[in-house]
Every structure is written in C-alpha cells, then in structure tokens.
Amino acid sequence: MSASSHSTGADFEAVAAALHRNGIRPPCVISGAQAVPIAYYAGCASRQTAGHDGSITPAGLREAARRVPTAVLVVGGGPRPAYAPSGPPVFLAETRDAGPYSAYLLPPPDRPGPGRPDS
C-alpha cells in the first residue's frame, strides 16, 4: 500500500510540475480529473462543475479564468468537457497509475493571461 501511495503522489507531483511549466501557478484553479489532489500539489484551488464536489458552474469557471490561470484536466485521452476551450489539450505527464494527463488551459495558451509567460 505504501508503494502505491508513493507512486500516486509522484504522479500528482509530475502533473503539478507540468502545470507550472505551462503557466498554471498560484493563485490558480484546477478542475476535472483528479483535480483535488493535483490542485493540492500545484498550490491551486480545486473547483468542480459537477458531482459530489461540485462547487462552480462552467460560466463561473470561465470567469475565474479571467482572474487567475485555470486548467481543466483530462486523463487517458478523455473527451473535452463542454466548458473547456476548443482546440487540442496540452500534454502534461504520463503517469503510472492513470495514464496520460492533459489539460485545457483557460485562457488558451495562444492568448496571454494572468500568470502566463507572455503576460
């Protein structure tokens, strides 16, 4: 069990580091697959649009992205959530437990925003 927990923690750290390299740095918001633990490792807030942890609407998430860097996580080539920006996701990391993690960045990487290298 301890080895599995360490592996999962290392995976979340790798995804968080990739988010930081892509301009998602505190203060920031993470939504989507495994958002709660990854947000913890990244130093971000976690906000979900549905489910037991639902805490924000899709419109609210887009509004948050106007103030702080925001990412919507997908794992294993999952579908683009309807509220994520169009275009391809940014690859973040290949993980041992869940497979590849990618993110849709709000605002998209071609549009500078808070915390982005070009802002």
PDB file of N, CA and C in Angstrom:
ATOM      1  N   MET A   1       0.821  -1.202   0.000  1.00  0.00           N
ATOM      2  CA  MET A   1       0.000   0.000   0.000  1.00  0.00           C
ATOM      3  C   MET A   1       0.864   1.265   0.000  1.00  0.00           C
ATOM      4  N   SER A   2       1.927   1.271   0.777  1.00  0.00           N
ATOM      5  CA  SER A   2       2.798   2.432   0.846  1.00  0.00           C
ATOM      6  C   SER A   2       3.435   2.731  -0.500  1.00  0.00           C
ATOM      7  N   ALA A   3       3.876   1.706  -1.221  1.00  0.00           N
ATOM      8  CA  ALA A   3       4.484   1.910  -2.534  1.00  0.00           C
ATOM      9  C   ALA A   3       3.479   2.504  -3.508  1.00  0.00           C
ATOM     10  N   SER A   4       2.224   2.048  -3.440  1.00  0.00           N
ATOM     11  CA  SER A   4       1.182   2.583  -4.307  1.00  0.00           C
ATOM     12  C   SER A   4       0.910   4.048  -3.993  1.00  0.00           C
ATOM     13  N   SER A   5       0.856   4.405  -2.715  1.00  0.00           N
ATOM     14  CA  SER A   5       0.627   5.799  -2.318  1.00  0.00           C
ATOM     15  C   SER A   5       1.766   6.685  -2.791  1.00  0.00           C
ATOM     16  N   HIS A   6       3.003   6.180  -2.674  1.00  0.00           N
ATOM     17  CA  HIS A   6       4.159   6.948  -3.124  1.00  0.00           C
ATOM     18  C   HIS A   6       4.098   7.157  -4.632  1.00  0.00           C
ATOM     19  N   SER A   7       3.724   6.123  -5.373  1.00  0.00           N
ATOM     20  CA  SER A   7       3.610   6.206  -6.826  1.00  0.00           C
ATOM     21  C   SER A   7       2.564   7.234  -7.226  1.00  0.00           C
ATOM     22  N   THR A   8       1.414   7.190  -6.550  1.00  0.00           N
ATOM     23  CA  THR A   8       0.351   8.141  -6.858  1.00  0.00           C
ATOM     24  C   THR A   8       0.798   9.563  -6.553  1.00  0.00           C
ATOM     25  N   GLY A   9       1.453   9.767  -5.409  1.00  0.00           N
ATOM     26  CA  GLY A   9       1.961  11.097  -5.064  1.00  0.00           C
ATOM     27  C   GLY A   9       2.963  11.595  -6.078  1.00  0.00           C
ATOM     28  N   ALA A  10       3.843  10.714  -6.534  1.00  0.00           N
ATOM     29  CA  ALA A  10       4.825  11.106  -7.545  1.00  0.00           C
ATOM     30  C   ALA A  10       4.129  11.482  -8.854  1.00  0.00           C
ATOM     31  N   ASP A  11       3.076  10.748  -9.209  1.00  0.00           N
ATOM     32  CA  ASP A  11       2.310  11.078 -10.414  1.00  0.00           C
ATOM     33  C   ASP A  11       1.685  12.465 -10.293  1.00  0.00           C
ATOM     34  N   PHE A  12       1.055  12.742  -9.160  1.00  0.00           N
ATOM     35  CA  PHE A  12       0.413  14.043  -8.955  1.00  0.00           C
ATOM     36  C   PHE A  12       1.458  15.165  -8.965  1.00  0.00           C
ATOM     37  N   GLU A  13       2.633  14.917  -8.383  1.00  0.00           N
ATOM     38  CA  GLU A  13       3.699  15.920  -8.413  1.00  0.00           C
ATOM     39  C   GLU A  13       4.148  16.195  -9.848  1.00  0.00           C
ATOM     40  N   ALA A  14       4.244  15.149 -10.663  1.00  0.00           N
ATOM     41  CA  ALA A  14       4.653  15.321 -12.064  1.00  0.00           C
ATOM     42  C   ALA A  14       3.631  16.149 -12.836  1.00  0.00           C
ATOM     43  N   VAL A  15       2.351  15.893 -12.621  1.00  0.00           N
ATOM     44  CA  VAL A  15       1.299  16.655 -13.296  1.00  0.00           C
ATOM     45  C   VAL A  15       1.339  18.112 -12.822  1.00  0.00           C
ATOM     46  N   ALA A  16       1.502  18.322 -11.515  1.00  0.00           N
ATOM     47  CA  ALA A  16       1.563  19.687 -10.971  1.00  0.00           C
ATOM     48  C   ALA A  16       2.758  20.442 -11.546  1.00  0.00           C
ATOM     49  N   ALA A  17       3.916  19.792 -11.645  1.00  0.00           N
ATOM     50  CA  ALA A  17       5.098  20.445 -12.209  1.00  0.00           C
ATOM     51  C   ALA A  17       4.865  20.831 -13.666  1.00  0.00           C
ATOM     52  N   ALA A  18       4.200  19.959 -14.417  1.00  0.00           N
ATOM     53  CA  ALA A  18       3.900  20.268 -15.817  1.00  0.00           C
ATOM     54  C   ALA A  18       2.926  21.437 -15.923  1.00  0.00           C
ATOM     55  N   LEU A  19       1.956  21.499 -15.016  1.00  0.00           N
ATOM     56  CA  LEU A  19       1.044  22.648 -14.994  1.00  0.00           C
ATOM     57  C   LEU A  19       1.832  23.940 -14.759  1.00  0.00           C
ATOM     58  N   HIS A  20       2.755  23.907 -13.806  1.00  0.00           N
ATOM     59  CA  HIS A  20       3.577  25.094 -13.526  1.00  0.00           C
ATOM     60  C   HIS A  20       4.369  25.507 -14.755  1.00  0.00           C
ATOM     61  N   ARG A  21       4.947  24.539 -15.473  1.00  0.00           N
ATOM     62  CA  ARG A  21       5.713  24.860 -16.687  1.00  0.00           C
ATOM     63  C   ARG A  21       4.830  25.483 -17.767  1.00  0.00           C
ATOM     64  N   ASN A  22       3.530  25.208 -17.698  1.00  0.00           N
ATOM     65  CA  ASN A  22       2.594  25.747 -18.688  1.00  0.00           C
ATOM     66  C   ASN A  22       1.862  26.984 -18.187  1.00  0.00           C
ATOM     67  N   GLY A  23       2.381  27.627 -17.149  1.00  0.00           N
ATOM     68  CA  GLY A  23       1.830  28.895 -16.687  1.00  0.00           C
ATOM     69  C   GLY A  23       0.729  28.790 -15.656  1.00  0.00           C
ATOM     70  N   ILE A  24       0.396  27.589 -15.207  1.00  0.00           N
ATOM     71  CA  ILE A  24      -0.638  27.428 -14.175  1.00  0.00           C
ATOM     72  C   ILE A  24       0.085  27.417 -12.835  1.00  0.00           C
ATOM     73  N   ARG A  25       0.164  28.612 -12.221  1.00  0.00           N
ATOM     74  CA  ARG A  25       0.863  28.795 -10.944  1.00  0.00           C
ATOM     75  C   ARG A  25      -0.045  29.533  -9.983  1.00  0.00           C
ATOM     76  N   PRO A  26       0.182  29.348  -8.672  1.00  0.00           N
ATOM     77  CA  PRO A  26      -0.669  30.026  -7.674  1.00  0.00           C
ATOM     78  C   PRO A  26      -0.632  31.534  -7.854  1.00  0.00           C
ATOM     79  N   PRO A  27      -1.744  32.190  -7.649  1.00  0.00           N
ATOM     80  CA  PRO A  27      -3.065  31.594  -7.421  1.00  0.00           C
ATOM     81  C   PRO A  27      -3.617  31.052  -8.734  1.00  0.00           C
ATOM     82  N   CYS A  28      -4.259  29.910  -8.665  1.00  0.00           N
ATOM     83  CA  CYS A  28      -4.762  29.246  -9.860  1.00  0.00           C
ATOM     84  C   CYS A  28      -5.930  28.340  -9.493  1.00  0.00           C
ATOM     85  N   VAL A  29      -6.623  27.849 -10.513  1.00  0.00           N
ATOM     86  CA  VAL A  29      -7.771  26.964 -10.326  1.00  0.00           C
ATOM     87  C   VAL A  29      -7.593  25.746 -11.212  1.00  0.00           C
ATOM     88  N   ILE A  30      -7.875  24.567 -10.644  1.00  0.00           N
ATOM     89  CA  ILE A  30      -7.815  23.305 -11.368  1.00  0.00           C
ATOM     90  C   ILE A  30      -9.189  22.652 -11.303  1.00  0.00           C
ATOM     91  N   SER A  31      -9.652  22.117 -12.426  1.00  0.00           N
ATOM     92  CA  SER A  31     -10.917  21.392 -12.496  1.00  0.00           C
ATOM     93  C   SER A  31     -10.672  20.115 -13.292  1.00  0.00           C
ATOM     94  N   GLY A  32     -11.592  19.172 -13.186  1.00  0.00           N
ATOM     95  CA  GLY A  32     -11.506  17.960 -13.994  1.00  0.00           C
ATOM     96  C   GLY A  32     -10.967  16.770 -13.233  1.00  0.00           C
ATOM     97  N   ALA A  33     -10.364  15.830 -13.989  1.00  0.00           N
ATOM     98  CA  ALA A  33      -9.908  14.544 -13.448  1.00  0.00           C
ATOM     99  C   ALA A  33      -8.879  14.732 -12.335  1.00  0.00           C
ATOM    100  N   GLN A  34      -9.155  14.164 -11.175  1.00  0.00           N
ATOM    101  CA  GLN A  34      -8.259  14.205 -10.012  1.00  0.00           C
ATOM    102  C   GLN A  34      -7.863  15.635  -9.633  1.00  0.00           C
ATOM    103  N   ALA A  35      -8.782  16.574  -9.813  1.00  0.00           N
ATOM    104  CA  ALA A  35      -8.478  17.981  -9.554  1.00  0.00           C
ATOM    105  C   ALA A  35      -8.101  18.250  -8.104  1.00  0.00           C
ATOM    106  N   VAL A  36      -8.740  17.583  -7.158  1.00  0.00           N
ATOM    107  CA  VAL A  36      -8.474  17.889  -5.747  1.00  0.00           C
ATOM    108  C   VAL A  36      -7.022  17.591  -5.371  1.00  0.00           C
ATOM    109  N   PRO A  37      -6.526  16.367  -5.573  1.00  0.00           N
ATOM    110  CA  PRO A  37      -5.136  16.139  -5.163  1.00  0.00           C
ATOM    111  C   PRO A  37      -4.117  16.880  -6.032  1.00  0.00           C
ATOM    112  N   ILE A  38      -4.379  17.006  -7.307  1.00  0.00           N
ATOM    113  CA  ILE A  38      -3.422  17.702  -8.170  1.00  0.00           C
ATOM    114  C   ILE A  38      -3.384  19.183  -7.824  1.00  0.00           C
ATOM    115  N   ALA A  39      -4.531  19.773  -7.533  1.00  0.00           N
ATOM    116  CA  ALA A  39      -4.554  21.175  -7.097  1.00  0.00           C
ATOM    117  C   ALA A  39      -3.738  21.350  -5.822  1.00  0.00           C
ATOM    118  N   TYR A  40      -3.828  20.399  -4.918  1.00  0.00           N
ATOM    119  CA  TYR A  40      -3.034  20.460  -3.685  1.00  0.00           C
ATOM    120  C   TYR A  40      -1.542  20.518  -4.013  1.00  0.00           C
ATOM    121  N   TYR A  41      -1.083  19.603  -4.855  1.00  0.00           N
ATOM    122  CA  TYR A  41       0.336  19.572  -5.210  1.00  0.00           C
ATOM    123  C   TYR A  41       0.756  20.819  -5.988  1.00  0.00           C
ATOM    124  N   ALA A  42      -0.155  21.389  -6.766  1.00  0.00           N
ATOM    125  CA  ALA A  42       0.164  22.566  -7.578  1.00  0.00           C
ATOM    126  C   ALA A  42       0.010  23.876  -6.812  1.00  0.00           C
ATOM    127  N   GLY A  43      -0.586  23.826  -5.623  1.00  0.00           N
ATOM    128  CA  GLY A  43      -0.823  25.049  -4.854  1.00  0.00           C
ATOM    129  C   GLY A  43      -2.001  25.841  -5.377  1.00  0.00           C
ATOM    130  N   CYS A  44      -2.936  25.161  -6.026  1.00  0.00           N
ATOM    131  CA  CYS A  44      -4.102  25.797  -6.636  1.00  0.00           C
ATOM    132  C   CYS A  44      -5.374  25.469  -5.855  1.00  0.00           C
ATOM    133  N   ALA A  45      -6.432  26.162  -6.182  1.00  0.00           N
ATOM    134  CA  ALA A  45      -7.763  25.811  -5.692  1.00  0.00           C
ATOM    135  C   ALA A  45      -8.351  24.758  -6.629  1.00  0.00           C
ATOM    136  N   SER A  46      -9.186  23.895  -6.087  1.00  0.00           N
ATOM    137  CA  SER A  46      -9.884  22.895  -6.888  1.00  0.00           C
ATOM    138  C   SER A  46     -11.348  23.293  -6.978  1.00  0.00           C
ATOM    139  N   ARG A  47     -11.885  23.310  -8.189  1.00  0.00           N
ATOM    140  CA  ARG A  47     -13.297  23.616  -8.401  1.00  0.00           C
ATOM    141  C   ARG A  47     -13.849  22.644  -9.429  1.00  0.00           C
ATOM    142  N   GLN A  48     -14.949  21.979  -9.076  1.00  0.00           N
ATOM    143  CA  GLN A  48     -15.580  21.029  -9.982  1.00  0.00           C
ATOM    144  C   GLN A  48     -16.935  21.570 -10.414  1.00  0.00           C
ATOM    145  N   THR A  49     -17.319  21.265 -11.647  1.00  0.00           N
ATOM    146  CA  THR A  49     -18.590  21.745 -12.185  1.00  0.00           C
ATOM    147  C   THR A  49     -19.732  20.769 -11.938  1.00  0.00           C
ATOM    148  N   ALA A  50     -19.436  19.567 -11.452  1.00  0.00           N
ATOM    149  CA  ALA A  50     -20.476  18.557 -11.230  1.00  0.00           C
ATOM    150  C   ALA A  50     -19.988  17.549 -10.200  1.00  0.00           C
ATOM    151  N   GLY A  51     -20.862  16.618  -9.852  1.00  0.00           N
ATOM    152  CA  GLY A  51     -20.504  15.546  -8.942  1.00  0.00           C
ATOM    153  C   GLY A  51     -20.599  15.960  -7.488  1.00  0.00           C
ATOM    154  N   HIS A  52     -20.106  15.082  -6.610  1.00  0.00           N
ATOM    155  CA  HIS A  52     -20.217  15.334  -5.177  1.00  0.00           C
ATOM    156  C   HIS A  52     -19.397  16.534  -4.725  1.00  0.00           C
ATOM    157  N   ASP A  53     -18.407  16.939  -5.523  1.00  0.00           N
ATOM    158  CA  ASP A  53     -17.549  18.072  -5.178  1.00  0.00           C
ATOM    159  C   ASP A  53     -17.900  19.308  -6.009  1.00  0.00           C
ATOM    160  N   GLY A  54     -19.094  19.312  -6.622  1.00  0.00           N
ATOM    161  CA  GLY A  54     -19.493  20.439  -7.463  1.00  0.00           C
ATOM    162  C   GLY A  54     -19.484  21.735  -6.676  1.00  0.00           C
ATOM    163  N   SER A  55     -18.684  22.711  -7.128  1.00  0.00           N
ATOM    164  CA  SER A  55     -18.550  23.962  -6.396  1.00  0.00           C
ATOM    165  C   SER A  55     -18.556  25.190  -7.294  1.00  0.00           C
ATOM    166  N   ILE A  56     -18.717  24.976  -8.614  1.00  0.00           N
ATOM    167  CA  ILE A  56     -18.687  26.114  -9.530  1.00  0.00           C
ATOM    168  C   ILE A  56     -19.429  25.723 -10.807  1.00  0.00           C
ATOM    169  N   THR A  57     -20.008  26.681 -11.468  1.00  0.00           N
ATOM    170  CA  THR A  57     -20.665  26.426 -12.748  1.00  0.00           C
ATOM    171  C   THR A  57     -19.623  26.559 -13.865  1.00  0.00           C
ATOM    172  N   PRO A  58     -19.912  26.019 -15.044  1.00  0.00           N
ATOM    173  CA  PRO A  58     -18.991  26.246 -16.156  1.00  0.00           C
ATOM    174  C   PRO A  58     -18.751  27.738 -16.412  1.00  0.00           C
ATOM    175  N   ALA A  59     -19.795  28.555 -16.321  1.00  0.00           N
ATOM    176  CA  ALA A  59     -19.624  30.001 -16.506  1.00  0.00           C
ATOM    177  C   ALA A  59     -18.740  30.585 -15.411  1.00  0.00           C
ATOM    178  N   GLY A  60     -18.909  30.099 -14.190  1.00  0.00           N
ATOM    179  CA  GLY A  60     -18.077  30.557 -13.082  1.00  0.00           C
ATOM    180  C   GLY A  60     -16.617  30.186 -13.282  1.00  0.00           C
ATOM    181  N   LEU A  61     -16.373  29.016 -13.847  1.00  0.00           N
ATOM    182  CA  LEU A  61     -15.002  28.588 -14.112  1.00  0.00           C
ATOM    183  C   LEU A  61     -14.367  29.479 -15.182  1.00  0.00           C
ATOM    184  N   ARG A  62     -15.132  29.785 -16.227  1.00  0.00           N
ATOM    185  CA  ARG A  62     -14.614  30.691 -17.267  1.00  0.00           C
ATOM    186  C   ARG A  62     -14.353  32.077 -16.683  1.00  0.00           C
ATOM    187  N   GLU A  63     -15.199  32.528 -15.786  1.00  0.00           N
ATOM    188  CA  GLU A  63     -14.996  33.828 -15.126  1.00  0.00           C
ATOM    189  C   GLU A  63     -13.739  33.800 -14.266  1.00  0.00           C
ATOM    190  N   ALA A  64     -13.527  32.708 -13.526  1.00  0.00           N
ATOM    191  CA  ALA A  64     -12.318  32.580 -12.707  1.00  0.00           C
ATOM    192  C   ALA A  64     -11.074  32.683 -13.577  1.00  0.00           C
ATOM    193  N   ALA A  65     -11.151  32.125 -14.783  1.00  0.00           N
ATOM    194  CA  ALA A  65     -10.009  32.152 -15.699  1.00  0.00           C
ATOM    195  C   ALA A  65      -9.661  33.560 -16.155  1.00  0.00           C
ATOM    196  N   ARG A  66     -10.577  34.497 -15.993  1.00  0.00           N
ATOM    197  CA  ARG A  66     -10.280  35.898 -16.330  1.00  0.00           C
ATOM    198  C   ARG A  66      -9.392  36.530 -15.271  1.00  0.00           C
ATOM    199  N   ARG A  67      -9.350  35.913 -14.069  1.00  0.00           N
ATOM    200  CA  ARG A  67      -8.584  36.463 -12.951  1.00  0.00           C
ATOM    201  C   ARG A  67      -7.318  35.678 -12.629  1.00  0.00           C
ATOM    202  N   VAL A  68      -7.367  34.360 -12.781  1.00  0.00           N
ATOM    203  CA  VAL A  68      -6.224  33.514 -12.414  1.00  0.00           C
ATOM    204  C   VAL A  68      -6.050  32.411 -13.451  1.00  0.00           C
ATOM    205  N   PRO A  69      -4.833  31.893 -13.603  1.00  0.00           N
ATOM    206  CA  PRO A  69      -4.629  30.773 -14.521  1.00  0.00           C
ATOM    207  C   PRO A  69      -5.510  29.591 -14.111  1.00  0.00           C
ATOM    208  N   THR A  70      -6.139  28.975 -15.094  1.00  0.00           N
ATOM    209  CA  THR A  70      -7.103  27.902 -14.846  1.00  0.00           C
ATOM    210  C   THR A  70      -6.856  26.764 -15.822  1.00  0.00           C
ATOM    211  N   ALA A  71      -6.982  25.527 -15.321  1.00  0.00           N
ATOM    212  CA  ALA A  71      -6.785  24.347 -16.168  1.00  0.00           C
ATOM    213  C   ALA A  71      -7.898  23.345 -15.914  1.00  0.00           C
ATOM    214  N   VAL A  72      -8.338  22.696 -16.988  1.00  0.00           N
ATOM    215  CA  VAL A  72      -9.312  21.606 -16.916  1.00  0.00           C
ATOM    216  C   VAL A  72      -8.556  20.333 -17.296  1.00  0.00           C
ATOM    217  N   LEU A  73      -8.424  19.414 -16.335  1.00  0.00           N
ATOM    218  CA  LEU A  73      -7.645  18.188 -16.540  1.00  0.00           C
ATOM    219  C   LEU A  73      -8.472  17.083 -17.174  1.00  0.00           C
ATOM    220  N   VAL A  74      -7.848  16.347 -18.062  1.00  0.00           N
ATOM    221  CA  VAL A  74      -8.424  15.119 -18.612  1.00  0.00           C
ATOM    222  C   VAL A  74      -7.346  14.050 -18.512  1.00  0.00           C
ATOM    223  N   VAL A  75      -7.777  12.816 -18.369  1.00  0.00           N
ATOM    224  CA  VAL A  75      -6.835  11.714 -18.232  1.00  0.00           C
ATOM    225  C   VAL A  75      -7.153  10.638 -19.260  1.00  0.00           C
ATOM    226  N   GLY A  76      -6.110  10.004 -19.757  1.00  0.00           N
ATOM    227  CA  GLY A  76      -6.281   8.887 -20.676  1.00  0.00           C
ATOM    228  C   GLY A  76      -6.941   9.236 -21.988  1.00  0.00           C
ATOM    229  N   GLY A  77      -6.752  10.451 -22.472  1.00  0.00           N
ATOM    230  CA  GLY A  77      -7.359  10.837 -23.738  1.00  0.00           C
ATOM    231  C   GLY A  77      -8.861  11.023 -23.655  1.00  0.00           C
ATOM    232  N   GLY A  78      -9.357  11.305 -22.451  1.00  0.00           N
ATOM    233  CA  GLY A  78     -10.791  11.519 -22.252  1.00  0.00           C
ATOM    234  C   GLY A  78     -11.323  12.655 -23.097  1.00  0.00           C
ATOM    235  N   PRO A  79     -12.653  12.727 -23.222  1.00  0.00           N
ATOM    236  CA  PRO A  79     -13.250  13.762 -24.063  1.00  0.00           C
ATOM    237  C   PRO A  79     -13.084  15.158 -23.477  1.00  0.00           C
ATOM    238  N   ARG A  80     -13.113  16.155 -24.345  1.00  0.00           N
ATOM    239  CA  ARG A  80     -13.046  17.558 -23.923  1.00  0.00           C
ATOM    240  C   ARG A  80     -14.350  17.912 -23.238  1.00  0.00           C
ATOM    241  N   PRO A  81     -14.293  18.382 -21.992  1.00  0.00           N
ATOM    242  CA  PRO A  81     -15.526  18.843 -21.352  1.00  0.00           C
ATOM    243  C   PRO A  81     -16.129  19.993 -22.160  1.00  0.00           C
ATOM    244  N   ALA A  82     -17.441  20.082 -22.183  1.00  0.00           N
ATOM    245  CA  ALA A  82     -18.138  21.086 -22.982  1.00  0.00           C
ATOM    246  C   ALA A  82     -17.706  22.509 -22.630  1.00  0.00           C
ATOM    247  N   TYR A  83     -17.313  22.751 -21.386  1.00  0.00           N
ATOM    248  CA  TYR A  83     -16.951  24.102 -20.948  1.00  0.00           C
ATOM    249  C   TYR A  83     -15.464  24.414 -21.165  1.00  0.00           C
ATOM    250  N   ALA A  84     -14.680  23.436 -21.621  1.00  0.00           N
ATOM    251  CA  ALA A  84     -13.256  23.667 -21.884  1.00  0.00           C
ATOM    252  C   ALA A  84     -13.099  24.380 -23.221  1.00  0.00           C
ATOM    253  N   PRO A  85     -12.021  25.141 -23.381  1.00  0.00           N
ATOM    254  CA  PRO A  85     -11.827  25.828 -24.658  1.00  0.00           C
ATOM    255  C   PRO A  85     -11.621  24.826 -25.789  1.00  0.00           C
ATOM    256  N   SER A  86     -11.967  25.241 -27.004  1.00  0.00           N
ATOM    257  CA  SER A  86     -11.762  24.361 -28.151  1.00  0.00           C
ATOM    258  C   SER A  86     -10.275  24.273 -28.457  1.00  0.00           C
ATOM    259  N   GLY A  87      -9.941  23.333 -29.286  1.00  0.00           N
ATOM    260  CA  GLY A  87      -8.537  23.128 -29.627  1.00  0.00           C
ATOM    261  C   GLY A  87      -7.972  21.965 -28.839  1.00  0.00           C
ATOM    262  N   PRO A  88      -6.762  21.572 -29.191  1.00  0.00           N
ATOM    263  CA  PRO A  88      -6.172  20.407 -28.530  1.00  0.00           C
ATOM    264  C   PRO A  88      -5.734  20.725 -27.107  1.00  0.00           C
ATOM    265  N   PRO A  89      -5.771  19.708 -26.255  1.00  0.00           N
ATOM    266  CA  PRO A  89      -5.260  19.915 -24.899  1.00  0.00           C
ATOM    267  C   PRO A  89      -3.730  19.929 -24.900  1.00  0.00           C
ATOM    268  N   VAL A  90      -3.160  20.444 -23.835  1.00  0.00           N
ATOM    269  CA  VAL A  90      -1.716  20.447 -23.634  1.00  0.00           C
ATOM    270  C   VAL A  90      -1.349  19.172 -22.878  1.00  0.00           C
ATOM    271  N   PHE A  91      -0.421  18.373 -23.418  1.00  0.00           N
ATOM    272  CA  PHE A  91       0.025  17.175 -22.717  1.00  0.00           C
ATOM    273  C   PHE A  91       0.814  17.592 -21.482  1.00  0.00           C
ATOM    274  N   LEU A  92       0.528  16.940 -20.347  1.00  0.00           N
ATOM    275  CA  LEU A  92       1.216  17.261 -19.100  1.00  0.00           C
ATOM    276  C   LEU A  92       2.209  16.186 -18.686  1.00  0.00           C
ATOM    277  N   ALA A  93       1.736  14.962 -18.490  1.00  0.00           N
ATOM    278  CA  ALA A  93       2.627  13.906 -17.998  1.00  0.00           C
ATOM    279  C   ALA A  93       2.001  12.540 -18.217  1.00  0.00           C
ATOM    280  N   GLU A  94       2.853  11.559 -18.416  1.00  0.00           N
ATOM    281  CA  GLU A  94       2.434  10.163 -18.439  1.00  0.00           C
ATOM    282  C   GLU A  94       2.572   9.652 -17.015  1.00  0.00           C
ATOM    283  N   THR A  95       1.501   9.109 -16.462  1.00  0.00           N
ATOM    284  CA  THR A  95       1.542   8.631 -15.083  1.00  0.00           C
ATOM    285  C   THR A  95       1.462   7.113 -15.041  1.00  0.00           C
ATOM    286  N   ARG A  96       1.997   6.549 -13.978  1.00  0.00           N
ATOM    287  CA  ARG A  96       1.997   5.100 -13.823  1.00  0.00           C
ATOM    288  C   ARG A  96       0.602   4.563 -13.549  1.00  0.00           C
ATOM    289  N   ASP A  97      -0.176   5.275 -12.755  1.00  0.00           N
ATOM    290  CA  ASP A  97      -1.470   4.755 -12.307  1.00  0.00           C
ATOM    291  C   ASP A  97      -2.630   5.068 -13.254  1.00  0.00           C
ATOM    292  N   ALA A  98      -2.660   6.252 -13.834  1.00  0.00           N
ATOM    293  CA  ALA A  98      -3.838   6.658 -14.599  1.00  0.00           C
ATOM    294  C   ALA A  98      -3.586   6.819 -16.093  1.00  0.00           C
ATOM    295  N   GLY A  99      -2.332   6.823 -16.502  1.00  0.00           N
ATOM    296  CA  GLY A  99      -2.038   7.057 -17.905  1.00  0.00           C
ATOM    297  C   GLY A  99      -1.717   8.514 -18.160  1.00  0.00           C
ATOM    298  N   PRO A 100      -1.895   8.971 -19.401  1.00  0.00           N
ATOM    299  CA  PRO A 100      -1.503  10.343 -19.743  1.00  0.00           C
ATOM    300  C   PRO A 100      -2.499  11.385 -19.215  1.00  0.00           C
ATOM    301  N   TYR A 101      -1.954  12.460 -18.659  1.00  0.00           N
ATOM    302  CA  TYR A 101      -2.753  13.609 -18.246  1.00  0.00           C
ATOM    303  C   TYR A 101      -2.525  14.735 -19.233  1.00  0.00           C
ATOM    304  N   SER A 102      -3.619  15.407 -19.590  1.00  0.00           N
ATOM    305  CA  SER A 102      -3.562  16.591 -20.431  1.00  0.00           C
ATOM    306  C   SER A 102      -4.439  17.652 -19.792  1.00  0.00           C
ATOM    307  N   ALA A 103      -4.331  18.886 -20.276  1.00  0.00           N
ATOM    308  CA  ALA A 103      -5.142  19.968 -19.724  1.00  0.00           C
ATOM    309  C   ALA A 103      -5.563  20.925 -20.825  1.00  0.00           C
ATOM    310  N   TYR A 104      -6.762  21.421 -20.675  1.00  0.00           N
ATOM    311  CA  TYR A 104      -7.238  22.553 -21.470  1.00  0.00           C
ATOM    312  C   TYR A 104      -6.987  23.775 -20.609  1.00  0.00           C
ATOM    313  N   LEU A 105      -6.220  24.724 -21.125  1.00  0.00           N
ATOM    314  CA  LEU A 105      -5.851  25.905 -20.366  1.00  0.00           C
ATOM    315  C   LEU A 105      -6.796  27.047 -20.690  1.00  0.00           C
ATOM    316  N   LEU A 106      -7.251  27.710 -19.653  1.00  0.00           N
ATOM    317  CA  LEU A 106      -8.120  28.872 -19.821  1.00  0.00           C
ATOM    318  C   LEU A 106      -7.373  30.074 -19.277  1.00  0.00           C
ATOM    319  N   PRO A 107      -7.131  31.115 -19.986  1.00  0.00           N
ATOM    320  CA  PRO A 107      -7.365  31.217 -21.416  1.00  0.00           C
ATOM    321  C   PRO A 107      -6.422  30.290 -22.173  1.00  0.00           C
ATOM    322  N   PRO A 108      -6.763  29.989 -23.418  1.00  0.00           N
ATOM    323  CA  PRO A 108      -5.900  29.102 -24.202  1.00  0.00           C
ATOM    324  C   PRO A 108      -4.472  29.645 -24.272  1.00  0.00           C
ATOM    325  N   PRO A 109      -3.466  28.782 -24.478  1.00  0.00           N
ATOM    326  CA  PRO A 109      -2.073  29.214 -24.466  1.00  0.00           C
ATOM    327  C   PRO A 109      -1.735  30.287 -25.497  1.00  0.00           C
ATOM    328  N   ASP A 110      -2.505  30.393 -26.595  1.00  0.00           N
ATOM    329  CA  ASP A 110      -2.203  31.413 -27.592  1.00  0.00           C
ATOM    330  C   ASP A 110      -2.727  32.787 -27.203  1.00  0.00           C
ATOM    331  N   ARG A 111      -3.446  32.883 -26.085  1.00  0.00           N
ATOM    332  CA  ARG A 111      -3.963  34.169 -25.599  1.00  0.00           C
ATOM    333  C   ARG A 111      -3.370  34.426 -24.229  1.00  0.00           C
ATOM    334  N   PRO A 112      -2.486  35.415 -24.085  1.00  0.00           N
ATOM    335  CA  PRO A 112      -1.880  35.675 -22.781  1.00  0.00           C
ATOM    336  C   PRO A 112      -2.934  35.925 -21.706  1.00  0.00           C
ATOM    337  N   GLY A 113      -2.586  35.561 -20.517  1.00  0.00           N
ATOM    338  CA  GLY A 113      -3.473  35.763 -19.378  1.00  0.00           C
ATOM    339  C   GLY A 113      -2.673  35.808 -18.110  1.00  0.00           C
ATOM    340  N   PRO A 114      -3.341  35.910 -16.958  1.00  0.00           N
ATOM    341  CA  PRO A 114      -2.628  36.001 -15.683  1.00  0.00           C
ATOM    342  C   PRO A 114      -1.699  34.807 -15.492  1.00  0.00           C
ATOM    343  N   GLY A 115      -0.463  35.077 -15.119  1.00  0.00           N
ATOM    344  CA  GLY A 115       0.477  34.020 -14.813  1.00  0.00           C
ATOM    345  C   GLY A 115       1.103  33.353 -16.017  1.00  0.00           C
ATOM    346  N   ARG A 116       0.699  33.725 -17.215  1.00  0.00           N
ATOM    347  CA  ARG A 116       1.265  33.119 -18.412  1.00  0.00           C
ATOM    348  C   ARG A 116       2.588  33.818 -18.743  1.00  0.00           C
ATOM    349  N   PRO A 117       3.537  33.112 -19.327  1.00  0.00           N
ATOM    350  CA  PRO A 117       4.843  33.699 -19.618  1.00  0.00           C
ATOM    351  C   PRO A 117       4.779  34.971 -20.449  1.00  0.00           C
ATOM    352  N   ASP A 118       3.799  35.106 -21.351  1.00  0.00           N
ATOM    353  CA  ASP A 118       3.717  36.272 -22.231  1.00  0.00           C
ATOM    354  C   ASP A 118       2.921  37.434 -21.642  1.00  0.00           C
ATOM    355  N   SER A 119       2.408  37.292 -20.409  1.00  0.00           N
ATOM    356  CA  SER A 119       1.588  38.388 -19.895  1.00  0.00           C
ATOM    357  C   SER A 119       2.410  39.416 -19.188  1.00  0.00           C
TER     358      SER A 119
END
